[in-house]
Amino acid sequence: MTDRRENYDVVILGGGPSGISAAVWCADLGLQPLLIERNERLGGQLWWIYNPITNYLGVNAKNGSEMAQRFEEHARSAAVEILTGQEVRAVDLSERTVCCGDTKFRGKAMILATGVRRSRLAVPGEDMRVGILTSGARDRGTVAGKTVVIVGGGDAALENALILSEHADQIIVVHRRDEFKARREFVEKARQRSNVRFAMESSVTRIGGSEQVDSVEVEGPAGSELLRCDAVLIRIGVEPNTELFRGQIELDGRAYVVAAPEMRTSRPGVWAVGDVTGPSAMTITGSVGQGSAAAASVLRFLSAAAT
């Protein structure tokens, strides 16, 4: 194994808003950051946003991809070394090293910005080629005259039900509990839609079809039921990308990284920012702010270590 470079001041894992912010701020503070992103493009969950972004102070974007491109342009114009398309196979937080392929990268400090991924149902048929929707906003033009099953009970599920109900013939919301977690306005609006119905206290056990979705098996209060449908949208929450850190750092009961003030973790020299630290950071503004706070804290840490 070879080292691309013996030391960076800071190695940042994850190229979403928090990681990009941390990298830009580190460079601006005179540090030498390396930003590693497993996808081919920076932006993280910004690529999940298909609606206009109007609440980021001073900047409007027609969707998340436009915002992602702006963030990436900013990062590339700064003195930030960026590696994309890099699958991290091992992380040693005590040594602050990251292994990608046959190359090891080492930082005097490390910032974890690995974000979250959408939770899966883990049922047969979930990887169907046709009929598993990605986003209500993106896919609404494909559901005219169709029946769509939406799985989940939070804001994302009910908001997507409202979006798709304007185009689909019927929406069936399947939720495992007897009450929704979504905000009241979403629930009330959905209940007023004549083409939206609910299957409460129910769980999806199978998505049917060969290469295209044609049904969903649901286990509910009355037993098993087969719901005929043309598409499925799954919105049952997210889970953190922390598998590589387990056993090396303090995680909470849901496997999010525990980050104290200044975004410090339980491991000296390691910070965590953005969605990987838990739901409280799950806004673009919050994530960007955490990135800048961590960068300033890293500078103080490295300055103290050098004296």
C-alpha atoms as a PDB file:
ATOM      1  CA  MET A   1       0.000   0.000   0.000  1.00  0.00           C
ATOM      2  CA  THR A   2       1.322   3.465  -0.858  1.00  0.00           C
ATOM      3  CA  ASP A   3       0.555   6.897   0.531  1.00  0.00           C
ATOM      4  CA  ARG A   4      -0.554   9.436  -2.030  1.00  0.00           C
ATOM      5  CA  ARG A   5       0.765  11.995   0.410  1.00  0.00           C
ATOM      6  CA  GLU A   6       2.155  11.496   3.913  1.00  0.00           C
ATOM      7  CA  ASN A   7       0.004  14.152   5.544  1.00  0.00           C
ATOM      8  CA  TYR A   8      -2.859  16.497   4.845  1.00  0.00           C
ATOM      9  CA  ASP A   9      -3.855  18.941   7.504  1.00  0.00           C
ATOM     10  CA  VAL A  10      -7.433  17.694   7.273  1.00  0.00           C
ATOM     11  CA  VAL A  11      -9.034  14.683   5.577  1.00  0.00           C
ATOM     12  CA  ILE A  12     -12.767  15.210   5.049  1.00  0.00           C
ATOM     13  CA  LEU A  13     -14.989  12.215   4.297  1.00  0.00           C
ATOM     14  CA  GLY A  14     -18.127  13.170   2.392  1.00  0.00           C
ATOM     15  CA  GLY A  15     -18.869  15.773  -0.265  1.00  0.00           C
ATOM     16  CA  GLY A  16     -22.310  17.007   0.750  1.00  0.00           C
ATOM     17  CA  PRO A  17     -23.002  20.569   1.944  1.00  0.00           C
ATOM     18  CA  SER A  18     -21.334  20.053   5.347  1.00  0.00           C
ATOM     19  CA  GLY A  19     -18.217  18.444   3.884  1.00  0.00           C
ATOM     20  CA  ILE A  20     -17.896  21.066   1.144  1.00  0.00           C
ATOM     21  CA  SER A  21     -18.358  23.845   3.683  1.00  0.00           C
ATOM     22  CA  ALA A  22     -15.708  22.350   5.972  1.00  0.00           C
ATOM     23  CA  ALA A  23     -13.279  21.991   3.066  1.00  0.00           C
ATOM     24  CA  VAL A  24     -13.757  25.566   1.829  1.00  0.00           C
ATOM     25  CA  TRP A  25     -13.419  26.978   5.323  1.00  0.00           C
ATOM     26  CA  CYS A  26     -10.317  24.890   6.050  1.00  0.00           C
ATOM     27  CA  ALA A  27      -8.694  26.179   2.859  1.00  0.00           C
ATOM     28  CA  ASP A  28      -9.694  29.746   3.689  1.00  0.00           C
ATOM     29  CA  LEU A  29      -8.088  29.356   7.122  1.00  0.00           C
ATOM     30  CA  GLY A  30      -4.803  28.302   5.536  1.00  0.00           C
ATOM     31  CA  LEU A  31      -5.114  24.554   6.075  1.00  0.00           C
ATOM     32  CA  GLN A  32      -4.544  21.891   3.431  1.00  0.00           C
ATOM     33  CA  PRO A  33      -7.741  19.832   3.121  1.00  0.00           C
ATOM     34  CA  LEU A  34      -8.445  16.668   1.167  1.00  0.00           C
ATOM     35  CA  LEU A  35     -12.119  16.074   0.384  1.00  0.00           C
ATOM     36  CA  ILE A  36     -13.068  12.464  -0.461  1.00  0.00           C
ATOM     37  CA  GLU A  37     -16.483  11.655  -1.970  1.00  0.00           C
ATOM     38  CA  ARG A  38     -17.572   8.171  -3.016  1.00  0.00           C
ATOM     39  CA  ASN A  39     -19.902   9.426  -5.746  1.00  0.00           C
ATOM     40  CA  GLU A  40     -18.686  10.919  -9.002  1.00  0.00           C
ATOM     41  CA  ARG A  41     -20.142  14.304  -8.135  1.00  0.00           C
ATOM     42  CA  LEU A  42     -20.239  16.467  -5.044  1.00  0.00           C
ATOM     43  CA  GLY A  43     -23.491  17.519  -3.418  1.00  0.00           C
ATOM     44  CA  GLY A  44     -24.696  14.562  -1.390  1.00  0.00           C
ATOM     45  CA  GLN A  45     -28.422  14.741  -0.666  1.00  0.00           C
ATOM     46  CA  LEU A  46     -28.783  17.921  -2.699  1.00  0.00           C
ATOM     47  CA  TRP A  47     -29.242  15.567  -5.631  1.00  0.00           C
ATOM     48  CA  TRP A  48     -32.396  14.241  -3.919  1.00  0.00           C
ATOM     49  CA  ILE A  49     -34.067  17.674  -4.039  1.00  0.00           C
ATOM     50  CA  TYR A  50     -36.195  18.286  -7.119  1.00  0.00           C
ATOM     51  CA  ASN A  51     -38.131  21.286  -5.830  1.00  0.00           C
ATOM     52  CA  PRO A  52     -36.897  24.906  -5.796  1.00  0.00           C
ATOM     53  CA  ILE A  53     -34.646  25.856  -2.869  1.00  0.00           C
ATOM     54  CA  THR A  54     -35.820  29.207  -1.551  1.00  0.00           C
ATOM     55  CA  ASN A  55     -34.797  29.186   2.121  1.00  0.00           C
ATOM     56  CA  TYR A  56     -30.996  29.242   1.861  1.00  0.00           C
ATOM     57  CA  LEU A  57     -30.055  32.754   2.883  1.00  0.00           C
ATOM     58  CA  GLY A  58     -29.078  34.894  -0.081  1.00  0.00           C
ATOM     59  CA  VAL A  59     -29.243  32.108  -2.669  1.00  0.00           C
ATOM     60  CA  ASN A  60     -32.149  30.626  -4.611  1.00  0.00           C
ATOM     61  CA  ALA A  61     -31.841  27.543  -6.794  1.00  0.00           C
ATOM     62  CA  LYS A  62     -34.375  25.859  -9.043  1.00  0.00           C
ATOM     63  CA  ASN A  63     -33.498  22.483  -7.495  1.00  0.00           C
ATOM     64  CA  GLY A  64     -30.858  20.650  -5.509  1.00  0.00           C
ATOM     65  CA  SER A  65     -28.695  19.819  -8.494  1.00  0.00           C
ATOM     66  CA  GLU A  66     -28.271  23.500  -9.297  1.00  0.00           C
ATOM     67  CA  MET A  67     -27.271  24.185  -5.699  1.00  0.00           C
ATOM     68  CA  ALA A  68     -24.867  21.234  -5.767  1.00  0.00           C
ATOM     69  CA  GLN A  69     -23.188  22.585  -8.879  1.00  0.00           C
ATOM     70  CA  ARG A  70     -22.756  25.989  -7.254  1.00  0.00           C
ATOM     71  CA  PHE A  71     -21.240  24.431  -4.157  1.00  0.00           C
ATOM     72  CA  GLU A  72     -18.869  22.306  -6.222  1.00  0.00           C
ATOM     73  CA  GLU A  73     -17.748  25.294  -8.291  1.00  0.00           C
ATOM     74  CA  HIS A  74     -16.965  27.132  -5.077  1.00  0.00           C
ATOM     75  CA  ALA A  75     -14.970  24.225  -3.684  1.00  0.00           C
ATOM     76  CA  ARG A  76     -12.976  23.754  -6.885  1.00  0.00           C
ATOM     77  CA  SER A  77     -12.144  27.458  -7.006  1.00  0.00           C
ATOM     78  CA  ALA A  78     -10.678  27.195  -3.493  1.00  0.00           C
ATOM     79  CA  ALA A  79      -7.429  25.497  -2.560  1.00  0.00           C
ATOM     80  CA  VAL A  80      -9.160  22.178  -1.907  1.00  0.00           C
ATOM     81  CA  GLU A  81      -7.937  18.856  -3.257  1.00  0.00           C
ATOM     82  CA  ILE A  82     -11.014  16.843  -4.252  1.00  0.00           C
ATOM     83  CA  LEU A  83     -11.248  13.132  -4.971  1.00  0.00           C
ATOM     84  CA  THR A  84     -14.575  11.828  -6.283  1.00  0.00           C
ATOM     85  CA  GLY A  85     -15.646   8.305  -7.181  1.00  0.00           C
ATOM     86  CA  GLN A  86     -13.616   6.942  -4.259  1.00  0.00           C
ATOM     87  CA  GLU A  87     -15.001   4.026  -2.285  1.00  0.00           C
ATOM     88  CA  VAL A  88     -13.523   4.088   1.202  1.00  0.00           C
ATOM     89  CA  ARG A  89     -12.788   0.537   2.328  1.00  0.00           C
ATOM     90  CA  ALA A  90     -11.254   1.240   5.734  1.00  0.00           C
ATOM     91  CA  VAL A  91     -10.927   4.082   8.227  1.00  0.00           C
ATOM     92  CA  ASP A  92      -8.646   4.176  11.258  1.00  0.00           C
ATOM     93  CA  LEU A  93      -9.782   7.074  13.421  1.00  0.00           C
ATOM     94  CA  SER A  94      -6.980   6.653  15.957  1.00  0.00           C
ATOM     95  CA  GLU A  95      -4.392   7.095  13.189  1.00  0.00           C
ATOM     96  CA  ARG A  96      -6.697   9.364  11.144  1.00  0.00           C
ATOM     97  CA  THR A  97      -6.095   7.351   7.983  1.00  0.00           C
ATOM     98  CA  VAL A  98      -8.417   6.460   5.127  1.00  0.00           C
ATOM     99  CA  CYS A  99      -7.865   3.603   2.673  1.00  0.00           C
ATOM    100  CA  CYS A 100      -9.255   3.922  -0.852  1.00  0.00           C
ATOM    101  CA  GLY A 101      -8.227   1.037  -3.075  1.00  0.00           C
ATOM    102  CA  ASP A 102      -4.484   0.618  -2.587  1.00  0.00           C
ATOM    103  CA  THR A 103      -3.935   4.176  -1.436  1.00  0.00           C
ATOM    104  CA  LYS A 104      -3.848   5.418   2.142  1.00  0.00           C
ATOM    105  CA  PHE A 105      -4.531   9.036   3.022  1.00  0.00           C
ATOM    106  CA  ARG A 106      -3.545  10.494   6.376  1.00  0.00           C
ATOM    107  CA  GLY A 107      -4.674  13.688   8.070  1.00  0.00           C
ATOM    108  CA  LYS A 108      -3.514  15.548  11.124  1.00  0.00           C
ATOM    109  CA  ALA A 109      -7.241  15.941  11.693  1.00  0.00           C
ATOM    110  CA  MET A 110     -10.328  14.320  10.214  1.00  0.00           C
ATOM    111  CA  ILE A 111     -13.869  15.537   9.599  1.00  0.00           C
ATOM    112  CA  LEU A 112     -16.640  12.972   9.102  1.00  0.00           C
ATOM    113  CA  ALA A 113     -19.385  14.213   6.780  1.00  0.00           C
ATOM    114  CA  THR A 114     -20.663  10.909   5.422  1.00  0.00           C
ATOM    115  CA  GLY A 115     -24.350  11.794   5.713  1.00  0.00           C
ATOM    116  CA  VAL A 116     -27.268   9.405   5.583  1.00  0.00           C
ATOM    117  CA  ARG A 117     -28.979   7.079   3.144  1.00  0.00           C
ATOM    118  CA  ARG A 118     -32.657   6.293   2.670  1.00  0.00           C
ATOM    119  CA  SER A 119     -33.862   3.372   4.738  1.00  0.00           C
ATOM    120  CA  ARG A 120     -34.982   0.274   2.877  1.00  0.00           C
ATOM    121  CA  LEU A 121     -37.918  -2.011   3.500  1.00  0.00           C
ATOM    122  CA  ALA A 122     -35.712  -5.073   2.981  1.00  0.00           C
ATOM    123  CA  VAL A 123     -38.537  -7.001   1.278  1.00  0.00           C
ATOM    124  CA  PRO A 124     -38.633  -9.025  -1.954  1.00  0.00           C
ATOM    125  CA  GLY A 125     -39.184  -6.898  -5.042  1.00  0.00           C
ATOM    126  CA  GLU A 126     -37.669  -3.708  -3.641  1.00  0.00           C
ATOM    127  CA  ASP A 127     -35.066  -3.670  -6.415  1.00  0.00           C
ATOM    128  CA  MET A 128     -37.634  -3.893  -9.199  1.00  0.00           C
ATOM    129  CA  ARG A 129     -36.411  -2.312 -12.421  1.00  0.00           C
ATOM    130  CA  VAL A 130     -39.595  -0.411 -13.243  1.00  0.00           C
ATOM    131  CA  GLY A 131     -42.084   1.129 -10.846  1.00  0.00           C
ATOM    132  CA  ILE A 132     -39.932   1.972  -7.811  1.00  0.00           C
ATOM    133  CA  LEU A 133     -40.138   5.753  -7.760  1.00  0.00           C
ATOM    134  CA  THR A 134     -37.302   7.998  -6.638  1.00  0.00           C
ATOM    135  CA  SER A 135     -39.139  11.234  -5.964  1.00  0.00           C
ATOM    136  CA  GLY A 136     -42.690  12.485  -6.205  1.00  0.00           C
ATOM    137  CA  ALA A 137     -41.517  15.823  -7.592  1.00  0.00           C
ATOM    138  CA  ARG A 138     -39.322  14.162 -10.203  1.00  0.00           C
ATOM    139  CA  ASP A 139     -41.612  11.277 -11.165  1.00  0.00           C
ATOM    140  CA  ARG A 140     -45.035  12.967 -11.081  1.00  0.00           C
ATOM    141  CA  GLY A 141     -45.150  13.124 -14.873  1.00  0.00           C
ATOM    142  CA  THR A 142     -44.971   9.312 -15.069  1.00  0.00           C
ATOM    143  CA  VAL A 143     -47.951   8.395 -12.870  1.00  0.00           C
ATOM    144  CA  ALA A 144     -50.938   9.788 -14.773  1.00  0.00           C
ATOM    145  CA  GLY A 145     -53.847   7.345 -14.539  1.00  0.00           C
ATOM    146  CA  LYS A 146     -51.892   5.003 -12.277  1.00  0.00           C
ATOM    147  CA  THR A 147     -52.155   3.714  -8.722  1.00  0.00           C
ATOM    148  CA  VAL A 148     -49.194   4.508  -6.480  1.00  0.00           C
ATOM    149  CA  VAL A 149     -48.430   3.019  -3.071  1.00  0.00           C
ATOM    150  CA  ILE A 150     -46.458   5.299  -0.745  1.00  0.00           C
ATOM    151  CA  VAL A 151     -44.838   3.657   2.268  1.00  0.00           C
ATOM    152  CA  GLY A 152     -44.247   5.814   5.332  1.00  0.00           C
ATOM    153  CA  GLY A 153     -45.898   8.194   7.739  1.00  0.00           C
ATOM    154  CA  GLY A 154     -43.630  11.210   8.061  1.00  0.00           C
ATOM    155  CA  ASP A 155     -43.459  14.547   6.269  1.00  0.00           C
ATOM    156  CA  ALA A 156     -41.737  13.092   3.215  1.00  0.00           C
ATOM    157  CA  ALA A 157     -44.378  10.393   2.714  1.00  0.00           C
ATOM    158  CA  LEU A 158     -47.368  12.721   3.074  1.00  0.00           C
ATOM    159  CA  GLU A 159     -45.821  15.528   1.037  1.00  0.00           C
ATOM    160  CA  ASN A 160     -45.146  13.094  -1.793  1.00  0.00           C
ATOM    161  CA  ALA A 161     -48.701  11.796  -1.502  1.00  0.00           C
ATOM    162  CA  LEU A 162     -49.965  15.334  -2.064  1.00  0.00           C
ATOM    163  CA  ILE A 163     -47.668  15.888  -5.041  1.00  0.00           C
ATOM    164  CA  LEU A 164     -48.490  12.596  -6.750  1.00  0.00           C
ATOM    165  CA  SER A 165     -52.225  12.786  -6.044  1.00  0.00           C
ATOM    166  CA  GLU A 166     -52.425  15.687  -8.484  1.00  0.00           C
ATOM    167  CA  HIS A 167     -51.437  13.328 -11.298  1.00  0.00           C
ATOM    168  CA  ALA A 168     -52.110   9.712 -10.276  1.00  0.00           C
ATOM    169  CA  ASP A 169     -55.488   7.988 -10.384  1.00  0.00           C
ATOM    170  CA  GLN A 170     -55.119   6.730  -6.822  1.00  0.00           C
ATOM    171  CA  ILE A 171     -52.649   7.026  -3.941  1.00  0.00           C
ATOM    172  CA  ILE A 172     -52.505   4.448  -1.150  1.00  0.00           C
ATOM    173  CA  VAL A 173     -50.425   5.456   1.876  1.00  0.00           C
ATOM    174  CA  VAL A 174     -49.251   2.451   3.886  1.00  0.00           C
ATOM    175  CA  HIS A 175     -48.105   3.238   7.421  1.00  0.00           C
ATOM    176  CA  ARG A 176     -47.148   0.810  10.165  1.00  0.00           C
ATOM    177  CA  ARG A 177     -48.576   2.917  13.001  1.00  0.00           C
ATOM    178  CA  ASP A 178     -52.091   4.125  13.799  1.00  0.00           C
ATOM    179  CA  GLU A 179     -51.094   7.796  13.622  1.00  0.00           C
ATOM    180  CA  PHE A 180     -48.915   9.820  11.292  1.00  0.00           C
ATOM    181  CA  LYS A 181     -45.724  11.566  12.356  1.00  0.00           C
ATOM    182  CA  ALA A 182     -46.119  14.075   9.527  1.00  0.00           C
ATOM    183  CA  ARG A 183     -47.082  17.655  10.217  1.00  0.00           C
ATOM    184  CA  ARG A 184     -50.795  18.211  10.622  1.00  0.00           C
ATOM    185  CA  GLU A 185     -51.221  20.360   7.515  1.00  0.00           C
ATOM    186  CA  PHE A 186     -49.914  17.567   5.273  1.00  0.00           C
ATOM    187  CA  VAL A 187     -52.172  14.981   6.900  1.00  0.00           C
ATOM    188  CA  GLU A 188     -55.271  17.162   6.709  1.00  0.00           C
ATOM    189  CA  LYS A 189     -54.687  18.043   3.062  1.00  0.00           C
ATOM    190  CA  ALA A 190     -54.114  14.384   2.190  1.00  0.00           C
ATOM    191  CA  ARG A 191     -57.329  13.340   3.940  1.00  0.00           C
ATOM    192  CA  GLN A 192     -59.213  15.882   1.838  1.00  0.00           C
ATOM    193  CA  ARG A 193     -58.004  14.369  -1.436  1.00  0.00           C
ATOM    194  CA  SER A 194     -60.635  12.008  -2.833  1.00  0.00           C
ATOM    195  CA  ASN A 195     -58.021   9.844  -4.544  1.00  0.00           C
ATOM    196  CA  VAL A 196     -55.885   9.308  -1.432  1.00  0.00           C
ATOM    197  CA  ARG A 197     -56.620   6.438   0.960  1.00  0.00           C
ATOM    198  CA  PHE A 198     -54.763   5.015   3.918  1.00  0.00           C
ATOM    199  CA  ALA A 199     -53.734   1.579   5.114  1.00  0.00           C
ATOM    200  CA  MET A 200     -52.839   2.142   8.753  1.00  0.00           C
ATOM    201  CA  GLU A 201     -51.111  -0.250  11.157  1.00  0.00           C
ATOM    202  CA  SER A 202     -49.878  -2.053   8.080  1.00  0.00           C
ATOM    203  CA  SER A 203     -46.503  -3.187   6.800  1.00  0.00           C
ATOM    204  CA  VAL A 204     -45.378  -4.031   3.280  1.00  0.00           C
ATOM    205  CA  THR A 205     -44.073  -7.596   3.132  1.00  0.00           C
ATOM    206  CA  ARG A 206     -43.502  -7.931  -0.614  1.00  0.00           C
ATOM    207  CA  ILE A 207     -43.510  -5.896  -3.811  1.00  0.00           C
ATOM    208  CA  GLY A 208     -44.940  -7.950  -6.649  1.00  0.00           C
ATOM    209  CA  GLY A 209     -44.128  -8.098 -10.341  1.00  0.00           C
ATOM    210  CA  SER A 210     -41.466  -9.576 -12.580  1.00  0.00           C
ATOM    211  CA  GLU A 211     -39.549  -6.593 -13.941  1.00  0.00           C
ATOM    212  CA  GLN A 212     -42.299  -4.043 -13.294  1.00  0.00           C
ATOM    213  CA  VAL A 213     -44.284  -3.363 -10.131  1.00  0.00           C
ATOM    214  CA  ASP A 214     -47.854  -4.682 -10.281  1.00  0.00           C
ATOM    215  CA  SER A 215     -48.809  -5.144  -6.625  1.00  0.00           C
ATOM    216  CA  VAL A 216     -47.841  -4.819  -2.987  1.00  0.00           C
ATOM    217  CA  GLU A 217     -48.491  -7.367  -0.248  1.00  0.00           C
ATOM    218  CA  VAL A 218     -49.484  -5.742   3.025  1.00  0.00           C
ATOM    219  CA  GLU A 219     -49.883  -7.245   6.473  1.00  0.00           C
ATOM    220  CA  GLY A 220     -52.452  -5.308   8.488  1.00  0.00           C
ATOM    221  CA  PRO A 221     -55.058  -5.636  11.225  1.00  0.00           C
ATOM    222  CA  ALA A 222     -57.247  -7.823   8.992  1.00  0.00           C
ATOM    223  CA  GLY A 223     -54.379 -10.029   7.893  1.00  0.00           C
ATOM    224  CA  SER A 224     -52.621 -10.172   4.553  1.00  0.00           C
ATOM    225  CA  GLU A 225     -53.921  -8.066   1.665  1.00  0.00           C
ATOM    226  CA  LEU A 226     -52.793  -7.701  -1.947  1.00  0.00           C
ATOM    227  CA  LEU A 227     -52.908  -4.130  -3.235  1.00  0.00           C
ATOM    228  CA  ARG A 228     -52.809  -3.760  -6.995  1.00  0.00           C
ATOM    229  CA  CYS A 229     -50.629  -0.834  -8.048  1.00  0.00           C
ATOM    230  CA  ASP A 230     -48.330   0.450 -10.764  1.00  0.00           C
ATOM    231  CA  ALA A 231     -45.630   2.111  -8.690  1.00  0.00           C
ATOM    232  CA  VAL A 232     -44.211   2.318  -5.173  1.00  0.00           C
ATOM    233  CA  LEU A 233     -42.484   5.192  -3.387  1.00  0.00           C
ATOM    234  CA  ILE A 234     -40.673   4.343  -0.138  1.00  0.00           C
ATOM    235  CA  ARG A 235     -40.248   7.066   2.475  1.00  0.00           C
ATOM    236  CA  ILE A 236     -39.573   5.367   5.811  1.00  0.00           C
ATOM    237  CA  GLY A 237     -36.746   7.596   6.969  1.00  0.00           C
ATOM    238  CA  VAL A 238     -32.982   7.565   6.734  1.00  0.00           C
ATOM    239  CA  GLU A 239     -30.050   5.939   8.495  1.00  0.00           C
ATOM    240  CA  PRO A 240     -26.499   7.208   8.988  1.00  0.00           C
ATOM    241  CA  ASN A 241     -23.464   6.068   7.025  1.00  0.00           C
ATOM    242  CA  THR A 242     -21.383   5.146  10.063  1.00  0.00           C
ATOM    243  CA  GLU A 243     -20.555   1.476   9.524  1.00  0.00           C
ATOM    244  CA  LEU A 244     -16.840   2.236   9.073  1.00  0.00           C
ATOM    245  CA  PHE A 245     -16.688   4.103  12.383  1.00  0.00           C
ATOM    246  CA  ARG A 246     -18.400   1.615  14.674  1.00  0.00           C
ATOM    247  CA  GLY A 247     -16.251   0.554  17.590  1.00  0.00           C
ATOM    248  CA  GLN A 248     -13.943   3.528  17.052  1.00  0.00           C
ATOM    249  CA  ILE A 249     -16.129   6.436  18.105  1.00  0.00           C
ATOM    250  CA  GLU A 250     -19.179   7.150  20.252  1.00  0.00           C
ATOM    251  CA  LEU A 251     -22.459   6.641  18.414  1.00  0.00           C
ATOM    252  CA  ASP A 252     -25.949   7.160  19.787  1.00  0.00           C
ATOM    253  CA  GLY A 253     -28.693   4.544  19.909  1.00  0.00           C
ATOM    254  CA  ARG A 254     -29.554   5.099  16.255  1.00  0.00           C
ATOM    255  CA  ALA A 255     -25.899   4.914  15.126  1.00  0.00           C
ATOM    256  CA  TYR A 256     -25.484   8.660  14.552  1.00  0.00           C
ATOM    257  CA  VAL A 257     -22.131  10.162  15.560  1.00  0.00           C
ATOM    258  CA  VAL A 258     -22.238  11.971  18.898  1.00  0.00           C
ATOM    259  CA  ALA A 259     -20.738  15.427  18.318  1.00  0.00           C
ATOM    260  CA  ALA A 260     -20.163  17.860  21.191  1.00  0.00           C
ATOM    261  CA  PRO A 261     -19.867  21.656  20.859  1.00  0.00           C
ATOM    262  CA  GLU A 262     -17.551  22.652  17.997  1.00  0.00           C
ATOM    263  CA  MET A 263     -18.571  19.340  16.392  1.00  0.00           C
ATOM    264  CA  ARG A 264     -15.864  17.400  18.256  1.00  0.00           C
ATOM    265  CA  THR A 265     -16.363  13.664  18.611  1.00  0.00           C
ATOM    266  CA  SER A 266     -15.243  11.272  21.332  1.00  0.00           C
ATOM    267  CA  ARG A 267     -12.056  10.633  19.337  1.00  0.00           C
ATOM    268  CA  PRO A 268      -9.427  13.397  19.680  1.00  0.00           C
ATOM    269  CA  GLY A 269      -8.630  15.007  16.360  1.00  0.00           C
ATOM    270  CA  VAL A 270     -11.881  13.832  14.754  1.00  0.00           C
ATOM    271  CA  TRP A 271     -14.944  15.993  14.079  1.00  0.00           C
ATOM    272  CA  ALA A 272     -18.349  15.138  12.607  1.00  0.00           C
ATOM    273  CA  VAL A 273     -20.704  17.434  10.718  1.00  0.00           C
ATOM    274  CA  GLY A 274     -24.014  17.372   8.894  1.00  0.00           C
ATOM    275  CA  ASP A 275     -26.650  14.677   8.787  1.00  0.00           C
ATOM    276  CA  VAL A 276     -24.339  11.974  10.149  1.00  0.00           C
ATOM    277  CA  THR A 277     -24.658  13.734  13.543  1.00  0.00           C
ATOM    278  CA  GLY A 278     -28.430  13.332  13.670  1.00  0.00           C
ATOM    279  CA  PRO A 279     -31.730  14.871  12.584  1.00  0.00           C
ATOM    280  CA  SER A 280     -31.054  18.297  14.123  1.00  0.00           C
ATOM    281  CA  ALA A 281     -28.603  19.083  11.315  1.00  0.00           C
ATOM    282  CA  MET A 282     -30.814  18.007   8.442  1.00  0.00           C
ATOM    283  CA  THR A 283     -31.051  21.342   6.650  1.00  0.00           C
ATOM    284  CA  ILE A 284     -28.645  22.795   4.128  1.00  0.00           C
ATOM    285  CA  THR A 285     -28.083  25.827   6.331  1.00  0.00           C
ATOM    286  CA  GLY A 286     -27.461  23.744   9.443  1.00  0.00           C
ATOM    287  CA  SER A 287     -25.025  21.460   7.673  1.00  0.00           C
ATOM    288  CA  VAL A 288     -23.063  24.340   6.153  1.00  0.00           C
ATOM    289  CA  GLY A 289     -22.865  26.031   9.539  1.00  0.00           C
ATOM    290  CA  GLN A 290     -21.553  22.896  11.199  1.00  0.00           C
ATOM    291  CA  GLY A 291     -18.889  22.578   8.505  1.00  0.00           C
ATOM    292  CA  SER A 292     -17.586  26.067   9.176  1.00  0.00           C
ATOM    293  CA  ALA A 293     -17.665  25.545  12.959  1.00  0.00           C
ATOM    294  CA  ALA A 294     -15.667  22.328  12.648  1.00  0.00           C
ATOM    295  CA  ALA A 295     -13.065  23.980  10.400  1.00  0.00           C
ATOM    296  CA  ALA A 296     -12.473  26.739  12.947  1.00  0.00           C
ATOM    297  CA  SER A 297     -12.166  24.152  15.725  1.00  0.00           C
ATOM    298  CA  VAL A 298      -9.702  22.100  13.670  1.00  0.00           C
ATOM    299  CA  LEU A 299      -7.519  25.170  13.178  1.00  0.00           C
ATOM    300  CA  ARG A 300      -7.415  25.765  16.940  1.00  0.00           C
ATOM    301  CA  PHE A 301      -6.597  22.090  17.542  1.00  0.00           C
ATOM    302  CA  LEU A 302      -3.751  22.029  15.029  1.00  0.00           C
ATOM    303  CA  SER A 303      -2.374  25.371  16.221  1.00  0.00           C
ATOM    304  CA  ALA A 304      -2.300  24.106  19.800  1.00  0.00           C
ATOM    305  CA  ALA A 305      -0.608  20.862  18.713  1.00  0.00           C
ATOM    306  CA  ALA A 306       2.097  22.817  16.904  1.00  0.00           C
ATOM    307  CA  THR A 307       3.073  24.879  19.942  1.00  0.00           C
END
